[in-house]
N, C-alpha and C. Protein backbone atom coordinates (compact mmCIF):
# COMPACT_ATOMS: atom_id res chain seq x y z
N SER A 1 43.44 135.92 90.53
CA SER A 1 42.24 135.31 89.97
C SER A 1 42.03 133.95 90.59
N CYS A 2 40.85 133.32 90.27
CA CYS A 2 40.50 132.00 90.86
C CYS A 2 41.45 130.94 90.36
N ALA A 3 41.76 130.96 89.05
CA ALA A 3 42.66 129.95 88.49
C ALA A 3 44.03 130.04 89.13
N LYS A 4 44.52 131.32 89.28
CA LYS A 4 45.82 131.50 89.91
C LYS A 4 45.79 131.04 91.35
N PHE A 5 44.63 131.30 92.04
CA PHE A 5 44.49 130.89 93.43
C PHE A 5 44.53 129.37 93.55
N CYS A 6 43.83 128.70 92.61
CA CYS A 6 43.80 127.24 92.65
C CYS A 6 45.19 126.67 92.43
N ARG A 7 45.95 127.27 91.50
CA ARG A 7 47.30 126.75 91.25
C ARG A 7 48.17 126.94 92.46
N VAL A 8 47.95 128.07 93.11
CA VAL A 8 48.75 128.34 94.31
C VAL A 8 48.30 127.46 95.46
N ARG A 9 46.93 127.34 95.61
CA ARG A 9 46.39 126.65 96.80
C ARG A 9 46.63 125.14 96.73
N TRP A 10 46.35 124.56 95.55
CA TRP A 10 46.43 123.10 95.46
C TRP A 10 47.76 122.63 94.91
N GLY A 11 48.22 123.28 93.91
CA GLY A 11 49.46 122.85 93.30
C GLY A 11 49.25 121.63 92.41
N ARG A 12 50.30 121.31 91.66
CA ARG A 12 50.20 120.19 90.73
C ARG A 12 50.05 118.86 91.46
N GLY A 13 50.71 118.64 92.56
CA GLY A 13 50.63 117.39 93.31
C GLY A 13 49.24 117.14 93.85
N SER A 14 48.64 118.22 94.36
CA SER A 14 47.29 118.06 94.90
C SER A 14 46.31 117.71 93.80
N THR A 15 46.45 118.32 92.64
CA THR A 15 45.56 118.00 91.52
C THR A 15 45.68 116.54 91.13
N THR A 16 46.90 116.03 91.14
CA THR A 16 47.12 114.62 90.80
C THR A 16 46.43 113.71 91.79
N ARG A 17 46.53 114.12 93.10
CA ARG A 17 45.90 113.28 94.12
C ARG A 17 44.38 113.29 93.96
N VAL A 18 43.81 114.43 93.59
CA VAL A 18 42.36 114.52 93.37
C VAL A 18 41.95 113.61 92.22
N MET A 19 42.72 113.64 91.15
CA MET A 19 42.40 112.80 90.00
C MET A 19 42.50 111.33 90.34
N GLU A 20 43.53 110.98 91.12
CA GLU A 20 43.67 109.59 91.54
C GLU A 20 42.48 109.16 92.39
N PHE A 21 42.01 110.06 93.26
CA PHE A 21 40.85 109.75 94.10
C PHE A 21 39.59 109.52 93.26
N VAL A 22 39.44 110.39 92.26
CA VAL A 22 38.27 110.26 91.38
C VAL A 22 38.32 108.94 90.62
N VAL A 23 39.51 108.60 90.11
CA VAL A 23 39.66 107.35 89.36
C VAL A 23 39.38 106.16 90.25
N LYS A 24 39.93 106.20 91.49
CA LYS A 24 39.70 105.09 92.41
C LYS A 24 38.21 104.95 92.75
N THR A 25 37.55 106.08 92.92
CA THR A 25 36.11 106.05 93.23
C THR A 25 35.32 105.42 92.09
N LEU A 26 35.68 105.86 90.87
CA LEU A 26 34.99 105.31 89.70
C LEU A 26 35.26 103.82 89.56
N ASN A 27 36.49 103.42 89.81
CA ASN A 27 36.84 102.01 89.73
C ASN A 27 36.06 101.19 90.77
N SER A 28 35.97 101.74 91.98
CA SER A 28 35.24 101.04 93.05
C SER A 28 33.78 100.88 92.68
N ARG A 29 33.22 101.92 92.11
CA ARG A 29 31.81 101.84 91.71
C ARG A 29 31.63 100.84 90.58
N SER A 30 32.58 100.78 89.67
CA SER A 30 32.49 99.82 88.58
C SER A 30 32.57 98.39 89.11
N VAL A 31 33.50 98.19 90.04
CA VAL A 31 33.63 96.86 90.64
C VAL A 31 32.35 96.47 91.36
N ALA A 32 31.78 97.41 92.11
CA ALA A 32 30.54 97.14 92.83
C ALA A 32 29.41 96.80 91.86
N ALA A 33 29.37 97.53 90.75
CA ALA A 33 28.33 97.27 89.75
C ALA A 33 28.50 95.88 89.15
N TYR A 34 29.75 95.51 88.87
CA TYR A 34 30.01 94.18 88.33
C TYR A 34 29.63 93.10 89.35
N VAL A 35 29.96 93.33 90.60
CA VAL A 35 29.62 92.35 91.65
C VAL A 35 28.12 92.18 91.75
N ILE A 36 27.41 93.30 91.74
CA ILE A 36 25.95 93.25 91.80
C ILE A 36 25.38 92.50 90.60
N LEU A 37 25.95 92.78 89.40
CA LEU A 37 25.48 92.13 88.19
C LEU A 37 25.72 90.62 88.25
N ILE A 38 26.91 90.24 88.70
CA ILE A 38 27.24 88.81 88.81
C ILE A 38 26.33 88.13 89.82
N ALA A 39 26.11 88.80 90.96
CA ALA A 39 25.22 88.24 91.99
C ALA A 39 23.81 88.07 91.46
N LEU A 40 23.35 89.06 90.69
CA LEU A 40 22.01 88.99 90.10
C LEU A 40 21.92 87.82 89.11
N MET A 41 22.95 87.67 88.27
CA MET A 41 22.95 86.57 87.31
C MET A 41 22.99 85.22 88.01
N ALA A 42 23.79 85.13 89.09
CA ALA A 42 23.86 83.89 89.85
C ALA A 42 22.52 83.57 90.49
N GLY A 43 21.88 84.60 91.04
CA GLY A 43 20.56 84.40 91.65
C GLY A 43 19.55 83.94 90.63
N MET A 44 19.58 84.55 89.44
CA MET A 44 18.66 84.14 88.37
C MET A 44 18.92 82.70 87.97
N GLY A 45 20.20 82.32 87.92
CA GLY A 45 20.54 80.95 87.54
C GLY A 45 20.03 79.94 88.55
N ILE A 46 20.23 80.26 89.84
CA ILE A 46 19.75 79.35 90.90
C ILE A 46 18.23 79.26 90.88
N TYR A 47 17.59 80.41 90.73
CA TYR A 47 16.12 80.44 90.68
C TYR A 47 15.60 79.64 89.49
N SER A 48 16.26 79.77 88.34
CA SER A 48 15.85 79.03 87.16
C SER A 48 16.05 77.53 87.36
N PHE A 49 17.20 77.16 87.96
CA PHE A 49 17.49 75.75 88.19
C PHE A 49 16.46 75.12 89.12
N VAL A 50 16.13 75.81 90.21
CA VAL A 50 15.15 75.28 91.16
C VAL A 50 13.80 75.08 90.49
N ASN A 51 13.39 76.04 89.70
CA ASN A 51 12.10 75.94 89.02
C ASN A 51 12.10 74.84 87.97
N MET A 52 13.17 74.72 87.22
CA MET A 52 13.23 73.67 86.21
C MET A 52 13.27 72.30 86.85
N ARG A 53 13.95 72.18 87.98
CA ARG A 53 13.99 70.90 88.69
C ARG A 53 12.59 70.52 89.18
N HIS A 54 11.87 71.52 89.68
CA HIS A 54 10.50 71.29 90.14
C HIS A 54 9.61 70.83 88.98
N LEU A 55 9.72 71.51 87.85
CA LEU A 55 8.90 71.15 86.69
C LEU A 55 9.27 69.77 86.16
N THR A 56 10.57 69.45 86.17
CA THR A 56 11.01 68.13 85.72
C THR A 56 10.44 67.04 86.60
N ASP A 57 10.46 67.27 87.92
CA ASP A 57 9.91 66.28 88.85
C ASP A 57 8.43 66.06 88.61
N LYS A 58 7.71 67.14 88.35
CA LYS A 58 6.26 67.04 88.13
C LYS A 58 5.96 66.31 86.83
N LEU A 59 6.72 66.60 85.79
CA LEU A 59 6.52 65.91 84.51
C LEU A 59 6.87 64.43 84.63
N TYR A 60 7.88 64.12 85.43
CA TYR A 60 8.23 62.71 85.68
C TYR A 60 7.07 62.01 86.39
N GLN A 61 6.46 62.69 87.35
CA GLN A 61 5.32 62.12 88.07
C GLN A 61 4.17 61.81 87.10
N ILE A 62 3.93 62.72 86.16
CA ILE A 62 2.84 62.53 85.20
C ILE A 62 3.15 61.37 84.25
N ASN A 63 4.34 61.38 83.66
CA ASN A 63 4.66 60.43 82.59
C ASN A 63 5.12 59.07 83.10
N GLU A 64 5.99 59.06 84.09
CA GLU A 64 6.63 57.81 84.50
C GLU A 64 5.95 57.14 85.69
N VAL A 65 5.17 57.87 86.45
CA VAL A 65 4.51 57.27 87.62
C VAL A 65 3.02 57.12 87.36
N ASN A 66 2.31 58.24 87.31
CA ASN A 66 0.87 58.16 87.09
C ASN A 66 0.55 57.57 85.72
N GLY A 67 1.34 57.96 84.72
CA GLY A 67 1.11 57.44 83.37
C GLY A 67 1.31 55.93 83.30
N ALA A 68 2.34 55.44 83.99
CA ALA A 68 2.59 53.99 84.00
C ALA A 68 1.46 53.25 84.71
N LYS A 69 1.04 53.77 85.85
CA LYS A 69 -0.08 53.14 86.55
C LYS A 69 -1.34 53.10 85.68
N GLN A 70 -1.55 54.18 84.98
CA GLN A 70 -2.73 54.26 84.11
C GLN A 70 -2.63 53.24 82.98
N ARG A 71 -1.45 53.07 82.41
CA ARG A 71 -1.27 52.10 81.33
C ARG A 71 -1.51 50.68 81.83
N TYR A 72 -1.00 50.36 83.01
CA TYR A 72 -1.22 49.03 83.56
C TYR A 72 -2.71 48.79 83.81
N ALA A 73 -3.38 49.81 84.32
CA ALA A 73 -4.82 49.67 84.59
C ALA A 73 -5.61 49.52 83.29
N ILE A 74 -5.18 50.19 82.25
CA ILE A 74 -5.83 50.03 80.94
C ILE A 74 -5.64 48.60 80.43
N ASN A 75 -4.46 48.03 80.70
CA ASN A 75 -4.24 46.62 80.36
C ASN A 75 -5.20 45.73 81.15
N PHE A 76 -5.40 46.06 82.43
CA PHE A 76 -6.37 45.32 83.24
C PHE A 76 -7.73 45.33 82.56
N ARG A 77 -8.15 46.53 82.19
CA ARG A 77 -9.50 46.70 81.64
C ARG A 77 -9.68 45.89 80.35
N GLY A 78 -8.67 45.95 79.47
CA GLY A 78 -8.78 45.19 78.24
C GLY A 78 -8.86 43.69 78.49
N SER A 79 -8.04 43.21 79.43
CA SER A 79 -8.04 41.79 79.75
C SER A 79 -9.36 41.34 80.35
N VAL A 80 -9.87 42.12 81.30
CA VAL A 80 -11.12 41.74 81.98
C VAL A 80 -12.30 41.81 81.01
N HIS A 81 -12.35 42.85 80.21
CA HIS A 81 -13.45 42.99 79.24
C HIS A 81 -13.48 41.83 78.25
N ASP A 82 -12.32 41.51 77.70
CA ASP A 82 -12.26 40.44 76.70
C ASP A 82 -12.52 39.08 77.34
N ARG A 83 -12.08 38.89 78.58
CA ARG A 83 -12.35 37.61 79.25
C ARG A 83 -13.84 37.42 79.50
N SER A 84 -14.52 38.51 79.85
CA SER A 84 -15.96 38.39 80.08
C SER A 84 -16.68 37.89 78.82
N ILE A 85 -16.21 38.32 77.66
CA ILE A 85 -16.79 37.87 76.40
C ILE A 85 -16.45 36.40 76.14
N LEU A 86 -15.20 36.04 76.41
CA LEU A 86 -14.77 34.67 76.15
C LEU A 86 -15.44 33.68 77.10
N VAL A 87 -15.69 34.07 78.33
CA VAL A 87 -16.40 33.19 79.26
C VAL A 87 -17.81 32.90 78.72
N ARG A 88 -18.43 33.94 78.22
CA ARG A 88 -19.75 33.74 77.58
C ARG A 88 -19.63 32.79 76.40
N ASP A 89 -18.55 32.96 75.60
CA ASP A 89 -18.36 32.10 74.42
C ASP A 89 -18.14 30.65 74.83
N VAL A 90 -17.48 30.42 75.96
CA VAL A 90 -17.28 29.05 76.44
C VAL A 90 -18.62 28.38 76.70
N VAL A 91 -19.54 29.12 77.31
CA VAL A 91 -20.85 28.56 77.63
C VAL A 91 -21.68 28.34 76.38
N LEU A 92 -21.58 29.26 75.42
CA LEU A 92 -22.43 29.19 74.24
C LEU A 92 -21.82 28.40 73.08
N ALA A 93 -20.55 28.00 73.20
CA ALA A 93 -19.87 27.30 72.10
C ALA A 93 -20.62 26.03 71.71
N GLU A 94 -20.77 25.83 70.40
CA GLU A 94 -21.52 24.68 69.91
C GLU A 94 -20.63 23.47 69.65
N ASP A 95 -19.32 23.66 69.63
CA ASP A 95 -18.42 22.53 69.38
C ASP A 95 -17.18 22.66 70.24
N VAL A 96 -16.44 21.58 70.30
CA VAL A 96 -15.26 21.51 71.17
C VAL A 96 -14.18 22.49 70.71
N VAL A 97 -14.01 22.62 69.40
CA VAL A 97 -12.95 23.49 68.88
C VAL A 97 -13.18 24.93 69.31
N ALA A 98 -14.41 25.41 69.18
CA ALA A 98 -14.73 26.78 69.57
C ALA A 98 -14.57 26.96 71.08
N ARG A 99 -15.00 25.96 71.82
CA ARG A 99 -14.89 26.04 73.27
C ARG A 99 -13.42 26.09 73.71
N GLU A 100 -12.61 25.22 73.13
CA GLU A 100 -11.19 25.18 73.49
C GLU A 100 -10.47 26.48 73.10
N ALA A 101 -10.87 27.05 71.99
CA ALA A 101 -10.27 28.33 71.57
C ALA A 101 -10.61 29.42 72.56
N ALA A 102 -11.85 29.45 73.04
CA ALA A 102 -12.26 30.46 74.02
C ALA A 102 -11.52 30.25 75.34
N ILE A 103 -11.37 29.01 75.76
CA ILE A 103 -10.66 28.72 77.01
C ILE A 103 -9.19 29.13 76.91
N ALA A 104 -8.58 28.85 75.75
CA ALA A 104 -7.18 29.25 75.54
C ALA A 104 -7.05 30.77 75.57
N GLY A 105 -8.02 31.46 74.99
CA GLY A 105 -8.00 32.93 75.02
C GLY A 105 -8.10 33.47 76.44
N ILE A 106 -8.92 32.82 77.26
CA ILE A 106 -9.06 33.24 78.67
C ILE A 106 -7.72 33.12 79.39
N GLU A 107 -7.02 32.02 79.15
CA GLU A 107 -5.73 31.82 79.81
C GLU A 107 -4.69 32.82 79.33
N THR A 108 -4.71 33.13 78.05
CA THR A 108 -3.77 34.13 77.52
C THR A 108 -4.02 35.50 78.14
N LEU A 109 -5.28 35.88 78.24
CA LEU A 109 -5.63 37.17 78.83
C LEU A 109 -5.32 37.20 80.32
N ARG A 110 -5.47 36.08 80.97
CA ARG A 110 -5.13 36.02 82.40
C ARG A 110 -3.63 36.26 82.59
N ALA A 111 -2.81 35.64 81.74
CA ALA A 111 -1.36 35.84 81.84
C ALA A 111 -0.98 37.30 81.54
N PHE A 112 -1.65 37.89 80.57
CA PHE A 112 -1.41 39.29 80.23
C PHE A 112 -1.75 40.19 81.41
N TYR A 113 -2.86 39.93 82.05
CA TYR A 113 -3.27 40.70 83.23
C TYR A 113 -2.24 40.54 84.35
N ASP A 114 -1.83 39.30 84.58
CA ASP A 114 -0.89 39.03 85.68
C ASP A 114 0.44 39.75 85.46
N GLY A 115 0.87 39.85 84.18
CA GLY A 115 2.11 40.57 83.90
C GLY A 115 2.01 42.04 84.26
N SER A 116 0.90 42.67 83.89
CA SER A 116 0.69 44.08 84.23
C SER A 116 0.50 44.25 85.73
N ASP A 117 -0.16 43.27 86.35
CA ASP A 117 -0.38 43.34 87.79
C ASP A 117 0.94 43.27 88.56
N ALA A 118 1.86 42.44 88.10
CA ALA A 118 3.17 42.35 88.76
C ALA A 118 3.91 43.69 88.68
N GLN A 119 3.83 44.34 87.53
CA GLN A 119 4.48 45.64 87.37
C GLN A 119 3.80 46.71 88.24
N MET A 120 2.49 46.63 88.32
CA MET A 120 1.77 47.58 89.18
C MET A 120 2.15 47.38 90.64
N GLN A 121 2.18 46.14 91.08
CA GLN A 121 2.53 45.86 92.47
C GLN A 121 3.95 46.30 92.79
N ALA A 122 4.84 46.16 91.82
CA ALA A 122 6.23 46.60 92.02
C ALA A 122 6.30 48.11 92.21
N MET A 123 5.48 48.84 91.48
CA MET A 123 5.47 50.31 91.62
C MET A 123 4.99 50.71 93.02
N PHE A 124 3.96 50.03 93.50
CA PHE A 124 3.43 50.37 94.81
C PHE A 124 4.35 49.89 95.93
N ALA A 125 5.19 48.92 95.64
CA ALA A 125 6.14 48.45 96.65
C ALA A 125 7.34 49.38 96.78
N ASP A 126 7.60 50.18 95.73
CA ASP A 126 8.71 51.13 95.77
C ASP A 126 8.42 52.27 96.74
N ALA A 127 9.42 53.12 96.89
CA ALA A 127 9.28 54.26 97.81
C ALA A 127 8.54 55.43 97.18
N THR A 128 8.13 55.28 95.90
CA THR A 128 7.44 56.39 95.25
C THR A 128 6.13 56.67 95.98
N PRO A 129 5.81 57.93 96.22
CA PRO A 129 4.61 58.25 96.98
C PRO A 129 3.34 57.94 96.20
N ASP A 130 2.34 57.50 96.89
CA ASP A 130 1.05 57.27 96.27
C ASP A 130 -0.03 57.61 97.29
N LEU A 131 -1.17 57.92 96.81
CA LEU A 131 -2.26 58.32 97.69
C LEU A 131 -2.94 57.09 98.29
N PRO A 132 -3.41 57.21 99.53
CA PRO A 132 -4.14 56.08 100.15
C PRO A 132 -5.33 55.64 99.31
N GLU A 133 -5.97 56.59 98.64
CA GLU A 133 -7.12 56.24 97.81
C GLU A 133 -6.72 55.30 96.67
N GLU A 134 -5.52 55.50 96.12
CA GLU A 134 -5.03 54.61 95.08
C GLU A 134 -4.90 53.19 95.60
N ARG A 135 -4.31 53.06 96.77
CA ARG A 135 -4.13 51.73 97.35
C ARG A 135 -5.47 51.07 97.64
N THR A 136 -6.42 51.87 98.12
CA THR A 136 -7.74 51.33 98.43
C THR A 136 -8.41 50.78 97.19
N ILE A 137 -8.36 51.54 96.10
CA ILE A 137 -8.98 51.09 94.84
C ILE A 137 -8.26 49.84 94.33
N LEU A 138 -6.92 49.84 94.38
CA LEU A 138 -6.17 48.69 93.88
C LEU A 138 -6.46 47.44 94.70
N GLU A 139 -6.56 47.60 96.00
CA GLU A 139 -6.91 46.45 96.86
C GLU A 139 -8.29 45.92 96.52
N ARG A 140 -9.21 46.84 96.23
CA ARG A 140 -10.55 46.43 95.84
C ARG A 140 -10.52 45.67 94.52
N ILE A 141 -9.72 46.12 93.58
CA ILE A 141 -9.56 45.43 92.29
C ILE A 141 -9.05 44.00 92.52
N ASN A 142 -8.05 43.85 93.38
CA ASN A 142 -7.48 42.54 93.65
C ASN A 142 -8.47 41.62 94.35
N GLN A 143 -9.27 42.20 95.24
CA GLN A 143 -10.28 41.39 95.93
C GLN A 143 -11.32 40.84 94.95
N ILE A 144 -11.76 41.68 94.05
CA ILE A 144 -12.76 41.24 93.07
C ILE A 144 -12.14 40.20 92.13
N LYS A 145 -10.89 40.42 91.75
CA LYS A 145 -10.20 39.43 90.91
C LYS A 145 -10.16 38.07 91.59
N ASP A 146 -9.82 38.06 92.87
CA ASP A 146 -9.72 36.80 93.60
C ASP A 146 -11.08 36.10 93.73
N ARG A 147 -12.15 36.87 93.70
CA ARG A 147 -13.49 36.27 93.75
C ARG A 147 -13.96 35.81 92.37
N THR A 148 -13.48 36.47 91.32
CA THR A 148 -13.98 36.18 89.97
C THR A 148 -13.30 34.97 89.34
N ILE A 149 -11.99 34.84 89.54
CA ILE A 149 -11.24 33.76 88.89
C ILE A 149 -11.81 32.39 89.22
N PRO A 150 -12.09 32.07 90.50
CA PRO A 150 -12.67 30.74 90.79
C PRO A 150 -14.03 30.53 90.13
N VAL A 151 -14.81 31.59 89.99
CA VAL A 151 -16.11 31.46 89.33
C VAL A 151 -15.93 31.11 87.86
N VAL A 152 -14.98 31.78 87.21
CA VAL A 152 -14.68 31.48 85.81
C VAL A 152 -14.20 30.04 85.66
N ASP A 153 -13.31 29.63 86.56
CA ASP A 153 -12.80 28.26 86.49
C ASP A 153 -13.93 27.25 86.68
N GLN A 154 -14.88 27.58 87.54
CA GLN A 154 -16.00 26.68 87.77
C GLN A 154 -16.90 26.59 86.53
N ILE A 155 -17.10 27.71 85.88
CA ILE A 155 -17.90 27.71 84.64
C ILE A 155 -17.24 26.82 83.59
N VAL A 156 -15.92 26.96 83.41
CA VAL A 156 -15.20 26.15 82.44
C VAL A 156 -15.30 24.67 82.80
N ALA A 157 -15.14 24.36 84.08
CA ALA A 157 -15.22 22.97 84.52
C ALA A 157 -16.62 22.39 84.28
N ASP A 158 -17.66 23.18 84.55
CA ASP A 158 -19.03 22.71 84.34
C ASP A 158 -19.31 22.45 82.87
N VAL A 159 -18.82 23.36 82.00
CA VAL A 159 -19.03 23.17 80.56
C VAL A 159 -18.30 21.92 80.08
N ASN A 160 -17.07 21.73 80.52
CA ASN A 160 -16.31 20.55 80.10
C ASN A 160 -16.94 19.27 80.60
N ALA A 161 -17.65 19.35 81.73
CA ALA A 161 -18.30 18.16 82.30
C ALA A 161 -19.71 17.96 81.75
N GLY A 162 -20.13 18.83 80.85
CA GLY A 162 -21.45 18.68 80.25
C GLY A 162 -22.56 19.34 81.05
N ARG A 163 -22.23 20.13 82.05
CA ARG A 163 -23.25 20.80 82.87
C ARG A 163 -23.46 22.22 82.34
N ARG A 164 -23.88 22.36 81.12
CA ARG A 164 -24.00 23.66 80.47
C ARG A 164 -25.04 24.54 81.15
N ASP A 165 -26.17 23.95 81.54
CA ASP A 165 -27.21 24.76 82.18
C ASP A 165 -26.70 25.37 83.48
N GLN A 166 -25.98 24.58 84.25
CA GLN A 166 -25.42 25.08 85.50
C GLN A 166 -24.38 26.16 85.22
N ALA A 167 -23.57 25.95 84.19
CA ALA A 167 -22.56 26.94 83.82
C ALA A 167 -23.22 28.25 83.39
N GLN A 168 -24.31 28.14 82.65
CA GLN A 168 -25.00 29.34 82.19
C GLN A 168 -25.62 30.10 83.35
N ASP A 169 -26.16 29.36 84.31
CA ASP A 169 -26.73 30.00 85.50
C ASP A 169 -25.64 30.72 86.29
N THR A 170 -24.49 30.09 86.46
CA THR A 170 -23.37 30.72 87.17
C THR A 170 -22.88 31.96 86.43
N LEU A 171 -22.87 31.86 85.10
CA LEU A 171 -22.45 32.99 84.28
C LEU A 171 -23.32 34.21 84.55
N MET A 172 -24.62 34.03 84.56
CA MET A 172 -25.55 35.14 84.68
C MET A 172 -25.67 35.66 86.12
N THR A 173 -25.64 34.78 87.09
CA THR A 173 -25.90 35.19 88.48
C THR A 173 -24.65 35.57 89.25
N GLN A 174 -23.50 35.03 88.83
CA GLN A 174 -22.27 35.30 89.57
C GLN A 174 -21.20 36.00 88.73
N ALA A 175 -20.85 35.40 87.60
CA ALA A 175 -19.74 35.93 86.81
C ALA A 175 -20.05 37.32 86.25
N ARG A 176 -21.24 37.46 85.68
CA ARG A 176 -21.56 38.75 85.05
C ARG A 176 -21.50 39.91 86.04
N PRO A 177 -22.14 39.83 87.22
CA PRO A 177 -22.03 40.95 88.18
C PRO A 177 -20.60 41.20 88.64
N LEU A 178 -19.82 40.13 88.78
CA LEU A 178 -18.43 40.30 89.21
C LEU A 178 -17.61 41.02 88.15
N PHE A 179 -17.80 40.65 86.89
CA PHE A 179 -17.07 41.34 85.82
C PHE A 179 -17.44 42.81 85.76
N VAL A 180 -18.73 43.11 85.92
CA VAL A 180 -19.17 44.51 85.92
C VAL A 180 -18.52 45.28 87.06
N GLU A 181 -18.50 44.67 88.24
CA GLU A 181 -17.89 45.32 89.41
C GLU A 181 -16.39 45.48 89.22
N TRP A 182 -15.76 44.47 88.68
CA TRP A 182 -14.32 44.50 88.44
C TRP A 182 -13.95 45.64 87.49
N LEU A 183 -14.66 45.72 86.37
CA LEU A 183 -14.40 46.79 85.41
C LEU A 183 -14.67 48.17 86.01
N GLY A 184 -15.70 48.26 86.84
CA GLY A 184 -16.01 49.54 87.47
C GLY A 184 -14.88 50.04 88.36
N GLU A 185 -14.27 49.15 89.13
CA GLU A 185 -13.16 49.55 90.00
C GLU A 185 -11.91 49.90 89.19
N ILE A 186 -11.68 49.16 88.11
CA ILE A 186 -10.54 49.48 87.25
C ILE A 186 -10.73 50.86 86.63
N ASN A 187 -11.93 51.17 86.19
CA ASN A 187 -12.20 52.49 85.62
C ASN A 187 -12.03 53.59 86.67
N ARG A 188 -12.38 53.30 87.90
CA ARG A 188 -12.15 54.27 88.98
C ARG A 188 -10.67 54.56 89.14
N PHE A 189 -9.86 53.53 89.05
CA PHE A 189 -8.40 53.71 89.19
C PHE A 189 -7.87 54.54 88.03
N ILE A 190 -8.31 54.24 86.82
CA ILE A 190 -7.87 55.00 85.64
C ILE A 190 -8.28 56.46 85.77
N ASP A 191 -9.51 56.69 86.19
CA ASP A 191 -10.01 58.07 86.35
C ASP A 191 -9.22 58.81 87.43
N LYS A 192 -8.79 58.08 88.47
CA LYS A 192 -8.01 58.71 89.54
C LYS A 192 -6.67 59.19 89.01
N GLN A 193 -6.02 58.41 88.18
CA GLN A 193 -4.74 58.83 87.60
C GLN A 193 -4.93 60.05 86.70
N GLU A 194 -6.02 60.06 85.95
CA GLU A 194 -6.32 61.21 85.10
C GLU A 194 -6.54 62.46 85.94
N GLU A 195 -7.24 62.29 87.05
CA GLU A 195 -7.48 63.42 87.96
C GLU A 195 -6.18 63.94 88.55
N LEU A 196 -5.30 63.04 88.96
CA LEU A 196 -4.01 63.45 89.51
C LEU A 196 -3.17 64.19 88.47
N ASN A 197 -3.17 63.68 87.26
CA ASN A 197 -2.39 64.33 86.20
C ASN A 197 -2.91 65.73 85.89
N LYS A 198 -4.23 65.89 85.89
CA LYS A 198 -4.80 67.21 85.64
C LYS A 198 -4.43 68.18 86.76
N SER A 199 -4.44 67.69 87.99
CA SER A 199 -4.07 68.53 89.13
C SER A 199 -2.61 68.96 89.04
N ILE A 200 -1.73 68.02 88.72
CA ILE A 200 -0.31 68.35 88.58
C ILE A 200 -0.10 69.29 87.41
N GLY A 201 -0.80 69.05 86.30
CA GLY A 201 -0.67 69.91 85.13
C GLY A 201 -1.07 71.34 85.43
N ALA A 202 -2.15 71.51 86.21
CA ALA A 202 -2.58 72.86 86.58
C ALA A 202 -1.52 73.54 87.45
N ALA A 203 -0.92 72.78 88.38
CA ALA A 203 0.12 73.34 89.23
C ALA A 203 1.35 73.72 88.42
N VAL A 204 1.69 72.89 87.43
CA VAL A 204 2.85 73.18 86.56
C VAL A 204 2.60 74.45 85.77
N ASN A 205 1.40 74.60 85.21
CA ASN A 205 1.07 75.80 84.45
C ASN A 205 1.15 77.05 85.32
N GLU A 206 0.67 76.94 86.55
CA GLU A 206 0.72 78.08 87.46
C GLU A 206 2.16 78.43 87.81
N ARG A 207 2.96 77.40 88.07
CA ARG A 207 4.37 77.63 88.42
C ARG A 207 5.11 78.24 87.22
N THR A 208 4.82 77.75 86.02
CA THR A 208 5.48 78.27 84.82
C THR A 208 5.12 79.73 84.59
N GLY A 209 3.83 80.07 84.77
CA GLY A 209 3.40 81.46 84.60
C GLY A 209 4.06 82.38 85.61
N SER A 210 4.15 81.93 86.86
CA SER A 210 4.80 82.72 87.90
C SER A 210 6.28 82.90 87.61
N PHE A 211 6.92 81.82 87.11
CA PHE A 211 8.34 81.88 86.79
C PHE A 211 8.59 82.89 85.66
N SER A 212 7.76 82.84 84.62
CA SER A 212 7.93 83.75 83.50
C SER A 212 7.74 85.20 83.93
N LEU A 213 6.75 85.44 84.78
CA LEU A 213 6.49 86.79 85.25
C LEU A 213 7.66 87.31 86.09
N ASN A 214 8.14 86.49 86.98
CA ASN A 214 9.26 86.91 87.84
C ASN A 214 10.52 87.19 87.03
N MET A 215 10.79 86.34 86.03
CA MET A 215 11.97 86.58 85.20
C MET A 215 11.82 87.86 84.39
N ALA A 216 10.59 88.13 83.93
CA ALA A 216 10.36 89.38 83.19
C ALA A 216 10.58 90.59 84.07
N LEU A 217 10.15 90.50 85.32
CA LEU A 217 10.33 91.62 86.24
C LEU A 217 11.81 91.82 86.57
N ILE A 218 12.54 90.73 86.72
CA ILE A 218 13.96 90.84 87.05
C ILE A 218 14.74 91.42 85.89
N VAL A 219 14.49 90.87 84.70
CA VAL A 219 15.23 91.34 83.52
C VAL A 219 14.81 92.75 83.13
N GLY A 220 13.47 92.99 83.23
CA GLY A 220 12.97 94.32 82.85
C GLY A 220 13.38 95.37 83.84
């Protein structure tokens, strides 16, 4: 019979060798499966790390770089806006006390602006990347500032010297247009940071969606 033939043909030793071969084959396949699984998990880990690092860098750019520039520019805007009002108050003040209070306020706001300006300049002096358009707008802001400050000082000097009519004329023909231009450039800078943040946010959302999809495909 077939069973008797097999016992005669293979014998007990041969059967043992066949079983050992089968066991070794199964073990090899199990090891290969484990290696593949470990490699897949390592690949997923590296892929996740790279993506998270990218997202972290982008969020840092939004919060710590563009956000900081935007905050400094908002400080500029508040200082310039309030100074424009106080310069008008210097010209229109009916008594020395009111005039001196307005002048003191101008100096306080100037110091506040200068503090934010120093921090802004430090950011642009660093190696952090910035767009040429940002530098152009900031240079324009500084140029207008350098033109406006002497005009304000002249208005204050004219008022203190009793030349109110001259101070009022300078206020309307020189200071007012300069303040409007100054605020306009500051608003351009603020809007630019908002635009950059929206662009980065859109890229982050796209990268996050792609990452989620790829992980779903890998796991699924």
